[in-house]
Amino acid sequence: MKIFRLKNKSFFIVFLFLFFSFFLFLNYKSLAATLNKINQVVPFVSQAPLGEWEDPRQQDACEEAVVLMALTWGRKDFNLNYSPSQWRDEIIALSDFQQDEYGEYRDASLKDIEGRMFRDYFNYEKTEIKDVINPDNIILELEKGNLVLIPANGQALKNPNFKAPGPERHMVLIKGYDYEKEEFITNDPGTRNGADYRYQKDLLFGAIRSYKTGYHVPF
């Protein structure tokens, strides 16, 4: 387990031992909670902010988008007021950096999200890796005020907004939970309708699947 702290804020990366997958937990900034719901205020960014899905970098930019959302939530010095075209430029710049430095930008694993994006590009080191084995572990982190980034089989998410059949490798940011409806509240960058998008608890957890960095590397 690796723990990195700076002042009173932390980011957590969690290894899901049971499913051979990874989670990324991001520490508290602002928490909107009621007696039956947690829903943190996190700016939403689609991986294709202008709908330019023909651009290969944006087609594979779910990881870059969740990193940008996390940083706008977790860093006071990060710009919250970008236009869609400026967000597009940030996503492309982050993809180009990975291509130039590492020779690959597609389907970034969570380990490489930590090392290449948070560490190398943004010089951000507040992360932790830990084991998670069931949905309650995710809910507990949300109750602590953390965010959660999960890698998933996007086809298993059954999101009607995805172009069929959906991506086999996808990254989602979990920011809340509805106890009454048993739904995780997410910012899903794979659709322009992804802000506050809800997934049933067991459906989302069952879709979790880690993947390697590279273009459709076999599972």
Protein backbone atom coordinates (compact mmCIF):
# COMPACT_ATOMS: atom_id res chain seq x y z
CA MET A 1 0.00 0.00 0.00
CA LYS A 2 1.36 3.40 -0.98
CA ILE A 3 0.18 6.57 0.74
CA PHE A 4 1.04 10.08 -0.40
CA ARG A 5 -0.14 13.17 1.49
CA LEU A 6 0.28 16.90 1.07
CA LYS A 7 -1.20 19.25 3.66
CA ASN A 8 -4.72 18.02 4.41
CA LYS A 9 -5.68 16.67 1.01
CA SER A 10 -5.05 13.22 -0.43
CA PHE A 11 -5.82 11.19 -3.51
CA PHE A 12 -6.20 7.44 -3.25
CA ILE A 13 -5.54 4.75 -5.84
CA VAL A 14 -7.08 1.44 -4.83
CA PHE A 15 -6.34 -2.02 -6.21
CA LEU A 16 -9.42 -4.22 -6.52
CA PHE A 17 -7.91 -7.58 -5.61
CA LEU A 18 -10.99 -9.70 -6.29
CA PHE A 19 -11.46 -8.55 -9.87
CA PHE A 20 -7.80 -7.84 -10.65
CA SER A 21 -8.79 -4.25 -11.21
CA PHE A 22 -7.93 -0.80 -9.93
CA PHE A 23 -9.70 2.02 -8.18
CA LEU A 24 -8.69 5.60 -7.68
CA PHE A 25 -9.95 7.34 -4.57
CA LEU A 26 -9.72 11.10 -4.34
CA ASN A 27 -9.94 12.93 -1.05
CA TYR A 28 -12.61 15.33 0.20
CA LYS A 29 -13.10 18.83 -1.09
CA SER A 30 -16.84 19.47 -1.03
CA LEU A 31 -19.56 17.04 -0.01
CA ALA A 32 -23.27 17.48 -0.74
CA ALA A 33 -25.00 14.91 1.45
CA THR A 34 -28.46 14.23 2.75
CA LEU A 35 -29.68 11.48 5.05
CA ASN A 36 -30.05 9.11 2.11
CA LYS A 37 -27.64 10.40 -0.52
CA ILE A 38 -24.04 11.47 -1.05
CA ASN A 39 -23.32 13.56 -4.13
CA GLN A 40 -20.11 15.53 -4.26
CA VAL A 41 -19.85 18.62 -6.43
CA VAL A 42 -17.47 17.69 -9.26
CA PRO A 43 -17.26 19.62 -12.56
CA PHE A 44 -18.16 17.46 -15.57
CA VAL A 45 -15.98 17.12 -18.66
CA SER A 46 -16.82 14.87 -21.59
CA GLN A 47 -13.87 13.15 -23.24
CA ALA A 48 -14.98 14.83 -26.49
CA PRO A 49 -16.12 18.26 -25.26
CA LEU A 50 -17.02 19.50 -28.76
CA GLY A 51 -18.36 16.17 -29.99
CA GLU A 52 -15.28 15.49 -32.13
CA TRP A 53 -15.45 11.72 -31.70
CA GLU A 54 -13.61 11.17 -34.99
CA ASP A 55 -10.39 12.34 -33.27
CA PRO A 56 -8.61 9.16 -32.03
CA ARG A 57 -7.20 11.03 -29.04
CA GLN A 58 -10.67 11.99 -27.85
CA GLN A 59 -12.11 8.56 -28.63
CA ASP A 60 -9.67 7.15 -26.07
CA ALA A 61 -9.68 10.09 -23.66
CA CYS A 62 -11.90 8.80 -20.86
CA GLU A 63 -8.83 8.55 -18.62
CA GLU A 64 -7.68 12.08 -19.41
CA ALA A 65 -11.18 13.43 -18.79
CA VAL A 66 -11.54 11.82 -15.36
CA VAL A 67 -8.12 13.14 -14.36
CA LEU A 68 -9.15 16.66 -15.34
CA MET A 69 -12.43 16.35 -13.45
CA ALA A 70 -10.59 15.10 -10.37
CA LEU A 71 -8.11 17.95 -10.46
CA THR A 72 -10.74 20.64 -10.91
CA TRP A 73 -12.33 19.24 -7.76
CA GLY A 74 -9.15 18.64 -5.79
CA ARG A 75 -6.92 21.62 -6.60
CA LYS A 76 -7.79 25.20 -5.86
CA ASP A 77 -5.38 26.46 -8.51
CA PHE A 78 -7.01 24.46 -11.32
CA ASN A 79 -9.21 26.40 -13.73
CA LEU A 80 -12.91 25.69 -13.27
CA ASN A 81 -14.10 28.03 -16.01
CA TYR A 82 -12.71 26.53 -19.20
CA SER A 83 -14.85 26.60 -22.31
CA PRO A 84 -15.48 23.29 -24.13
CA SER A 85 -12.76 24.17 -26.64
CA GLN A 86 -10.29 24.81 -23.83
CA TRP A 87 -11.14 21.46 -22.21
CA ARG A 88 -10.62 19.85 -25.61
CA ASP A 89 -7.18 21.46 -25.80
CA GLU A 90 -6.31 20.19 -22.29
CA ILE A 91 -7.33 16.64 -23.20
CA ILE A 92 -5.33 16.69 -26.43
CA ALA A 93 -2.29 18.17 -24.68
CA LEU A 94 -2.38 15.43 -22.07
CA SER A 95 -2.71 12.74 -24.76
CA ASP A 96 0.13 14.23 -26.80
CA PHE A 97 2.35 14.36 -23.71
CA GLN A 98 1.87 10.64 -23.14
CA GLN A 99 2.56 9.85 -26.78
CA ASP A 100 5.73 11.95 -26.80
CA GLU A 101 7.06 10.74 -23.45
CA TYR A 102 5.93 7.11 -23.40
CA GLY A 103 4.98 6.25 -26.98
CA GLU A 104 1.35 5.51 -26.09
CA TYR A 105 -1.74 7.42 -24.97
CA ARG A 106 -4.55 4.91 -25.52
CA ASP A 107 -6.33 2.87 -22.84
CA ALA A 108 -4.16 4.07 -19.95
CA SER A 109 -4.11 1.71 -16.99
CA LEU A 110 -4.80 3.17 -13.58
CA LYS A 111 -1.16 2.66 -12.62
CA ASP A 112 -0.15 4.79 -15.59
CA ILE A 113 -2.86 7.34 -14.82
CA GLU A 114 -1.17 7.77 -11.47
CA GLY A 115 2.40 7.79 -12.73
CA ARG A 116 2.14 9.52 -16.08
CA MET A 117 -0.78 11.91 -15.67
CA PHE A 118 -0.97 12.84 -12.00
CA ARG A 119 2.76 12.52 -11.27
CA ASP A 120 4.64 13.43 -14.42
CA TYR A 121 2.26 15.81 -16.16
CA PHE A 122 0.55 17.55 -13.26
CA ASN A 123 3.26 16.97 -10.62
CA TYR A 124 0.56 15.72 -8.26
CA GLU A 125 1.55 13.09 -5.72
CA LYS A 126 -1.34 12.72 -3.28
CA THR A 127 -2.30 9.11 -4.02
CA GLU A 128 -2.73 5.80 -2.25
CA ILE A 129 -3.13 2.21 -3.44
CA LYS A 130 -5.29 -0.15 -1.40
CA ASP A 131 -7.41 -3.30 -1.75
CA VAL A 132 -11.16 -3.24 -2.34
CA ILE A 133 -13.36 -6.34 -2.60
CA ASN A 134 -17.03 -5.28 -2.66
CA PRO A 135 -19.35 -2.31 -3.34
CA ASP A 136 -19.49 -1.42 0.35
CA ASN A 137 -15.78 -0.55 0.21
CA ILE A 138 -16.55 2.04 -2.46
CA ILE A 139 -19.47 3.42 -0.48
CA LEU A 140 -17.26 3.72 2.60
CA GLU A 141 -14.75 5.82 0.66
CA LEU A 142 -17.55 8.05 -0.58
CA GLU A 143 -18.74 8.45 3.01
CA LYS A 144 -15.23 9.59 3.91
CA GLY A 145 -15.54 12.31 1.29
CA ASN A 146 -13.43 10.59 -1.36
CA LEU A 147 -13.97 10.24 -5.09
CA VAL A 148 -13.51 6.91 -6.84
CA LEU A 149 -12.16 6.27 -10.33
CA ILE A 150 -12.90 2.81 -11.72
CA PRO A 151 -11.85 0.98 -14.89
CA ALA A 152 -14.75 -0.88 -16.42
CA ASN A 153 -16.06 -2.93 -19.28
CA GLY A 154 -18.13 -0.15 -20.81
CA GLN A 155 -20.34 -2.61 -22.65
CA ALA A 156 -21.39 -4.15 -19.32
CA LEU A 157 -22.47 -0.72 -18.07
CA LYS A 158 -25.36 -0.80 -20.57
CA ASN A 159 -25.35 2.97 -20.94
CA PRO A 160 -27.87 3.86 -23.70
CA ASN A 161 -25.88 7.00 -24.52
CA PHE A 162 -22.86 5.01 -25.70
CA LYS A 163 -22.46 4.20 -29.36
CA ALA A 164 -23.34 0.50 -29.52
CA PRO A 165 -21.98 -1.78 -28.28
CA GLY A 166 -19.96 0.57 -26.08
CA PRO A 167 -16.25 0.61 -25.16
CA GLU A 168 -14.64 -2.52 -23.75
CA ARG A 169 -12.22 -0.33 -21.80
CA HIS A 170 -13.62 2.67 -20.00
CA MET A 171 -12.87 4.87 -16.98
CA VAL A 172 -15.62 6.33 -14.78
CA LEU A 173 -15.55 8.76 -11.87
CA ILE A 174 -17.84 7.86 -8.94
CA LYS A 175 -18.79 10.85 -6.84
CA GLY A 176 -21.84 9.77 -4.87
CA TYR A 177 -24.30 7.13 -3.77
CA ASP A 178 -28.07 7.00 -3.33
CA TYR A 179 -28.84 4.67 -0.42
CA GLU A 180 -32.57 4.45 -1.11
CA LYS A 181 -32.22 3.57 -4.80
CA GLU A 182 -28.91 1.70 -4.38
CA GLU A 183 -27.32 3.66 -7.23
CA PHE A 184 -23.83 5.04 -7.66
CA ILE A 185 -23.73 8.63 -8.93
CA THR A 186 -21.00 9.20 -11.49
CA ASN A 187 -19.48 11.62 -13.93
CA ASP A 188 -19.14 9.40 -16.99
CA PRO A 189 -16.96 11.09 -19.64
CA GLY A 190 -18.10 8.70 -22.38
CA THR A 191 -21.21 10.76 -23.17
CA ARG A 192 -22.20 14.40 -23.17
CA ASN A 193 -25.03 13.29 -20.88
CA GLY A 194 -22.61 11.85 -18.33
CA ALA A 195 -22.94 14.44 -15.55
CA ASP A 196 -24.52 12.89 -12.42
CA TYR A 197 -25.16 9.71 -14.40
CA ARG A 198 -26.48 6.90 -12.21
CA TYR A 199 -25.63 3.21 -12.33
CA GLN A 200 -27.28 0.54 -10.23
CA LYS A 201 -24.85 -0.59 -7.54
CA ASP A 202 -24.37 -4.20 -8.56
CA LEU A 203 -24.37 -3.45 -12.28
CA LEU A 204 -21.52 -0.98 -11.95
CA PHE A 205 -19.52 -3.15 -9.59
CA GLY A 206 -19.97 -6.14 -11.86
CA ALA A 207 -18.66 -4.12 -14.81
CA ILE A 208 -15.35 -3.30 -13.12
CA ARG A 209 -12.43 -4.70 -15.09
CA SER A 210 -8.82 -3.57 -15.24
CA TYR A 211 -7.00 -3.10 -18.51
CA LYS A 212 -3.46 -2.43 -19.65
CA THR A 213 -2.08 0.65 -21.33
CA GLY A 214 -2.03 0.33 -25.11
CA TYR A 215 -4.42 -0.13 -27.99
CA HIS A 216 -6.88 -2.88 -27.03
CA VAL A 217 -4.28 -5.00 -25.26
CA PRO A 218 -5.88 -8.42 -24.51
CA PHE A 219 -7.27 -8.80 -21.00
